[in-house]
Amino acid sequence: MGDKFVRVIFALFGIYDVSTIAVEKLDRTGVDVEALVANGIKETQERAKNF
């Protein structure tokens, strides 16, 4: 995942408070990908309320 790279680039601009939301298991057969992505979006929206 590119999380570490993004954190380093943000740190160059003085941004140190970074949160990562990862949606996993998208590459597995038989998994409801749309539901996983929807849960990731829901978590993102919840975190954005406290931003």
PDB file of N, CA and C in Angstrom:
ATOM      1  N   MET A   1       0.848  -1.176   0.000  1.00  0.00           N
ATOM      2  CA  MET A   1       0.000   0.000   0.000  1.00  0.00           C
ATOM      3  C   MET A   1       0.894   1.239   0.000  1.00  0.00           C
ATOM      4  N   GLY A   2       0.432   2.307  -0.581  1.00  0.00           N
ATOM      5  CA  GLY A   2       1.204   3.532  -0.710  1.00  0.00           C
ATOM      6  C   GLY A   2       1.095   4.448   0.489  1.00  0.00           C
ATOM      7  N   ASP A   3       0.606   3.942   1.602  1.00  0.00           N
ATOM      8  CA  ASP A   3       0.400   4.766   2.791  1.00  0.00           C
ATOM      9  C   ASP A   3       1.693   5.425   3.257  1.00  0.00           C
ATOM     10  N   LYS A   4       2.761   4.665   3.307  1.00  0.00           N
ATOM     11  CA  LYS A   4       4.025   5.196   3.801  1.00  0.00           C
ATOM     12  C   LYS A   4       4.537   6.308   2.884  1.00  0.00           C
ATOM     13  N   PHE A   5       4.422   6.109   1.577  1.00  0.00           N
ATOM     14  CA  PHE A   5       4.852   7.116   0.609  1.00  0.00           C
ATOM     15  C   PHE A   5       4.065   8.410   0.796  1.00  0.00           C
ATOM     16  N   VAL A   6       2.755   8.296   0.925  1.00  0.00           N
ATOM     17  CA  VAL A   6       1.896   9.482   1.094  1.00  0.00           C
ATOM     18  C   VAL A   6       2.251  10.212   2.384  1.00  0.00           C
ATOM     19  N   ARG A   7       2.498   9.473   3.457  1.00  0.00           N
ATOM     20  CA  ARG A   7       2.877  10.101   4.730  1.00  0.00           C
ATOM     21  C   ARG A   7       4.184  10.893   4.604  1.00  0.00           C
ATOM     22  N   VAL A   8       5.138  10.345   3.877  1.00  0.00           N
ATOM     23  CA  VAL A   8       6.425  11.025   3.695  1.00  0.00           C
ATOM     24  C   VAL A   8       6.232  12.306   2.886  1.00  0.00           C
ATOM     25  N   ILE A   9       5.461  12.226   1.818  1.00  0.00           N
ATOM     26  CA  ILE A   9       5.219  13.409   0.989  1.00  0.00           C
ATOM     27  C   ILE A   9       4.480  14.479   1.789  1.00  0.00           C
ATOM     28  N   PHE A  10       3.458  14.075   2.536  1.00  0.00           N
ATOM     29  CA  PHE A  10       2.728  15.038   3.375  1.00  0.00           C
ATOM     30  C   PHE A  10       3.656  15.663   4.411  1.00  0.00           C
ATOM     31  N   ALA A  11       4.561  14.873   4.982  1.00  0.00           N
ATOM     32  CA  ALA A  11       5.492  15.392   5.994  1.00  0.00           C
ATOM     33  C   ALA A  11       6.389  16.475   5.400  1.00  0.00           C
ATOM     34  N   LEU A  12       6.722  16.353   4.119  1.00  0.00           N
ATOM     35  CA  LEU A  12       7.524  17.391   3.475  1.00  0.00           C
ATOM     36  C   LEU A  12       6.815  18.742   3.483  1.00  0.00           C
ATOM     37  N   PHE A  13       5.492  18.710   3.500  1.00  0.00           N
ATOM     38  CA  PHE A  13       4.693  19.933   3.526  1.00  0.00           C
ATOM     39  C   PHE A  13       4.210  20.283   4.934  1.00  0.00           C
ATOM     40  N   GLY A  14       4.719  19.564   5.941  1.00  0.00           N
ATOM     41  CA  GLY A  14       4.375  19.864   7.320  1.00  0.00           C
ATOM     42  C   GLY A  14       3.072  19.245   7.799  1.00  0.00           C
ATOM     43  N   ILE A  15       2.549  18.291   7.068  1.00  0.00           N
ATOM     44  CA  ILE A  15       1.304  17.614   7.462  1.00  0.00           C
ATOM     45  C   ILE A  15       1.676  16.285   8.092  1.00  0.00           C
ATOM     46  N   TYR A  16       1.436  16.165   9.400  1.00  0.00           N
ATOM     47  CA  TYR A  16       1.828  14.967  10.123  1.00  0.00           C
ATOM     48  C   TYR A  16       0.630  14.166  10.631  1.00  0.00           C
ATOM     49  N   ASP A  17      -0.527  14.774  10.690  1.00  0.00           N
ATOM     50  CA  ASP A  17      -1.720  14.092  11.183  1.00  0.00           C
ATOM     51  C   ASP A  17      -2.465  13.481   9.991  1.00  0.00           C
ATOM     52  N   VAL A  18      -2.141  12.231   9.685  1.00  0.00           N
ATOM     53  CA  VAL A  18      -2.695  11.551   8.517  1.00  0.00           C
ATOM     54  C   VAL A  18      -3.389  10.276   8.982  1.00  0.00           C
ATOM     55  N   SER A  19      -4.582  10.038   8.475  1.00  0.00           N
ATOM     56  CA  SER A  19      -5.307   8.807   8.776  1.00  0.00           C
ATOM     57  C   SER A  19      -5.453   7.987   7.503  1.00  0.00           C
ATOM     58  N   THR A  20      -5.405   6.682   7.661  1.00  0.00           N
ATOM     59  CA  THR A  20      -5.552   5.785   6.524  1.00  0.00           C
ATOM     60  C   THR A  20      -6.784   4.916   6.730  1.00  0.00           C
ATOM     61  N   ILE A  21      -7.562   4.798   5.691  1.00  0.00           N
ATOM     62  CA  ILE A  21      -8.710   3.894   5.713  1.00  0.00           C
ATOM     63  C   ILE A  21      -8.463   2.862   4.625  1.00  0.00           C
ATOM     64  N   ALA A  22      -8.281   1.617   5.021  1.00  0.00           N
ATOM     65  CA  ALA A  22      -7.973   0.549   4.077  1.00  0.00           C
ATOM     66  C   ALA A  22      -9.183  -0.362   3.910  1.00  0.00           C
ATOM     67  N   VAL A  23      -9.489  -0.674   2.677  1.00  0.00           N
ATOM     68  CA  VAL A  23     -10.529  -1.647   2.372  1.00  0.00           C
ATOM     69  C   VAL A  23      -9.805  -2.888   1.869  1.00  0.00           C
ATOM     70  N   GLU A  24      -9.901  -3.957   2.615  1.00  0.00           N
ATOM     71  CA  GLU A  24      -9.148  -5.167   2.299  1.00  0.00           C
ATOM     72  C   GLU A  24     -10.053  -6.261   1.741  1.00  0.00           C
ATOM     73  N   LYS A  25      -9.430  -7.305   1.248  1.00  0.00           N
ATOM     74  CA  LYS A  25     -10.093  -8.503   0.704  1.00  0.00           C
ATOM     75  C   LYS A  25     -10.839  -8.241  -0.593  1.00  0.00           C
ATOM     76  N   LEU A  26     -10.457  -7.205  -1.324  1.00  0.00           N
ATOM     77  CA  LEU A  26     -11.127  -6.900  -2.584  1.00  0.00           C
ATOM     78  C   LEU A  26     -10.724  -7.860  -3.696  1.00  0.00           C
ATOM     79  N   ASP A  27      -9.647  -8.589  -3.500  1.00  0.00           N
ATOM     80  CA  ASP A  27      -9.147  -9.480  -4.538  1.00  0.00           C
ATOM     81  C   ASP A  27      -9.578 -10.930  -4.354  1.00  0.00           C
ATOM     82  N   ARG A  28     -10.454 -11.205  -3.401  1.00  0.00           N
ATOM     83  CA  ARG A  28     -10.883 -12.575  -3.133  1.00  0.00           C
ATOM     84  C   ARG A  28     -12.167 -12.906  -3.883  1.00  0.00           C
ATOM     85  N   THR A  29     -12.241 -14.125  -4.339  1.00  0.00           N
ATOM     86  CA  THR A  29     -13.418 -14.594  -5.049  1.00  0.00           C
ATOM     87  C   THR A  29     -14.550 -14.838  -4.053  1.00  0.00           C
ATOM     88  N   GLY A  30     -15.751 -14.462  -4.442  1.00  0.00           N
ATOM     89  CA  GLY A  30     -16.914 -14.713  -3.600  1.00  0.00           C
ATOM     90  C   GLY A  30     -17.167 -13.648  -2.549  1.00  0.00           C
ATOM     91  N   VAL A  31     -16.416 -12.579  -2.588  1.00  0.00           N
ATOM     92  CA  VAL A  31     -16.578 -11.496  -1.619  1.00  0.00           C
ATOM     93  C   VAL A  31     -17.445 -10.407  -2.248  1.00  0.00           C
ATOM     94  N   ASP A  32     -18.330  -9.842  -1.460  1.00  0.00           N
ATOM     95  CA  ASP A  32     -19.182  -8.755  -1.943  1.00  0.00           C
ATOM     96  C   ASP A  32     -18.373  -7.455  -1.941  1.00  0.00           C
ATOM     97  N   VAL A  33     -17.741  -7.186  -3.058  1.00  0.00           N
ATOM     98  CA  VAL A  33     -16.842  -6.033  -3.186  1.00  0.00           C
ATOM     99  C   VAL A  33     -17.604  -4.735  -2.971  1.00  0.00           C
ATOM    100  N   GLU A  34     -18.799  -4.636  -3.520  1.00  0.00           N
ATOM    101  CA  GLU A  34     -19.573  -3.401  -3.380  1.00  0.00           C
ATOM    102  C   GLU A  34     -19.887  -3.108  -1.915  1.00  0.00           C
ATOM    103  N   ALA A  35     -20.169  -4.136  -1.136  1.00  0.00           N
ATOM    104  CA  ALA A  35     -20.447  -3.944   0.287  1.00  0.00           C
ATOM    105  C   ALA A  35     -19.190  -3.497   1.034  1.00  0.00           C
ATOM    106  N   LEU A  36     -18.050  -4.079   0.683  1.00  0.00           N
ATOM    107  CA  LEU A  36     -16.798  -3.680   1.332  1.00  0.00           C
ATOM    108  C   LEU A  36     -16.468  -2.220   1.032  1.00  0.00           C
ATOM    109  N   VAL A  37     -16.631  -1.828  -0.222  1.00  0.00           N
ATOM    110  CA  VAL A  37     -16.359  -0.441  -0.603  1.00  0.00           C
ATOM    111  C   VAL A  37     -17.355   0.493   0.074  1.00  0.00           C
ATOM    112  N   ALA A  38     -18.615   0.089   0.142  1.00  0.00           N
ATOM    113  CA  ALA A  38     -19.628   0.908   0.812  1.00  0.00           C
ATOM    114  C   ALA A  38     -19.281   1.100   2.288  1.00  0.00           C
ATOM    115  N   ASN A  39     -18.787   0.057   2.934  1.00  0.00           N
ATOM    116  CA  ASN A  39     -18.369   0.187   4.334  1.00  0.00           C
ATOM    117  C   ASN A  39     -17.179   1.123   4.472  1.00  0.00           C
ATOM    118  N   GLY A  40     -16.254   1.069   3.516  1.00  0.00           N
ATOM    119  CA  GLY A  40     -15.115   1.984   3.531  1.00  0.00           C
ATOM    120  C   GLY A  40     -15.548   3.424   3.359  1.00  0.00           C
ATOM    121  N   ILE A  41     -16.499   3.651   2.477  1.00  0.00           N
ATOM    122  CA  ILE A  41     -17.024   5.007   2.272  1.00  0.00           C
ATOM    123  C   ILE A  41     -17.743   5.489   3.523  1.00  0.00           C
ATOM    124  N   LYS A  42     -18.500   4.605   4.150  1.00  0.00           N
ATOM    125  CA  LYS A  42     -19.222   4.967   5.376  1.00  0.00           C
ATOM    126  C   LYS A  42     -18.233   5.345   6.482  1.00  0.00           C
ATOM    127  N   GLU A  43     -17.169   4.563   6.619  1.00  0.00           N
ATOM    128  CA  GLU A  43     -16.150   4.884   7.632  1.00  0.00           C
ATOM    129  C   GLU A  43     -15.477   6.219   7.334  1.00  0.00           C
ATOM    130  N   THR A  44     -15.228   6.480   6.064  1.00  0.00           N
ATOM    131  CA  THR A  44     -14.629   7.758   5.661  1.00  0.00           C
ATOM    132  C   THR A  44     -15.542   8.925   6.023  1.00  0.00           C
ATOM    133  N   GLN A  45     -16.816   8.775   5.763  1.00  0.00           N
ATOM    134  CA  GLN A  45     -17.771   9.835   6.082  1.00  0.00           C
ATOM    135  C   GLN A  45     -17.856  10.062   7.580  1.00  0.00           C
ATOM    136  N   GLU A  46     -17.790   9.001   8.378  1.00  0.00           N
ATOM    137  CA  GLU A  46     -17.819   9.145   9.839  1.00  0.00           C
ATOM    138  C   GLU A  46     -16.584   9.887  10.345  1.00  0.00           C
ATOM    139  N   ARG A  47     -15.431   9.529   9.800  1.00  0.00           N
ATOM    140  CA  ARG A  47     -14.198  10.220  10.215  1.00  0.00           C
ATOM    141  C   ARG A  47     -14.193  11.668   9.777  1.00  0.00           C
ATOM    142  N   ALA A  48     -14.783  11.951   8.631  1.00  0.00           N
ATOM    143  CA  ALA A  48     -14.818  13.331   8.122  1.00  0.00           C
ATOM    144  C   ALA A  48     -15.658  14.236   9.016  1.00  0.00           C
ATOM    145  N   LYS A  49     -16.627  13.679   9.696  1.00  0.00           N
ATOM    146  CA  LYS A  49     -17.458  14.480  10.604  1.00  0.00           C
ATOM    147  C   LYS A  49     -16.633  15.028  11.767  1.00  0.00           C
ATOM    148  N   ASN A  50     -15.582  14.321  12.146  1.00  0.00           N
ATOM    149  CA  ASN A  50     -14.738  14.733  13.272  1.00  0.00           C
ATOM    150  C   ASN A  50     -13.469  15.438  12.818  1.00  0.00           C
ATOM    151  N   PHE A  51     -13.387  15.780  11.562  1.00  0.00           N
ATOM    152  CA  PHE A  51     -12.189  16.401  11.019  1.00  0.00           C
ATOM    153  C   PHE A  51     -12.094  17.839  11.421  1.00  0.00           C
TER     154      PHE A  51
END
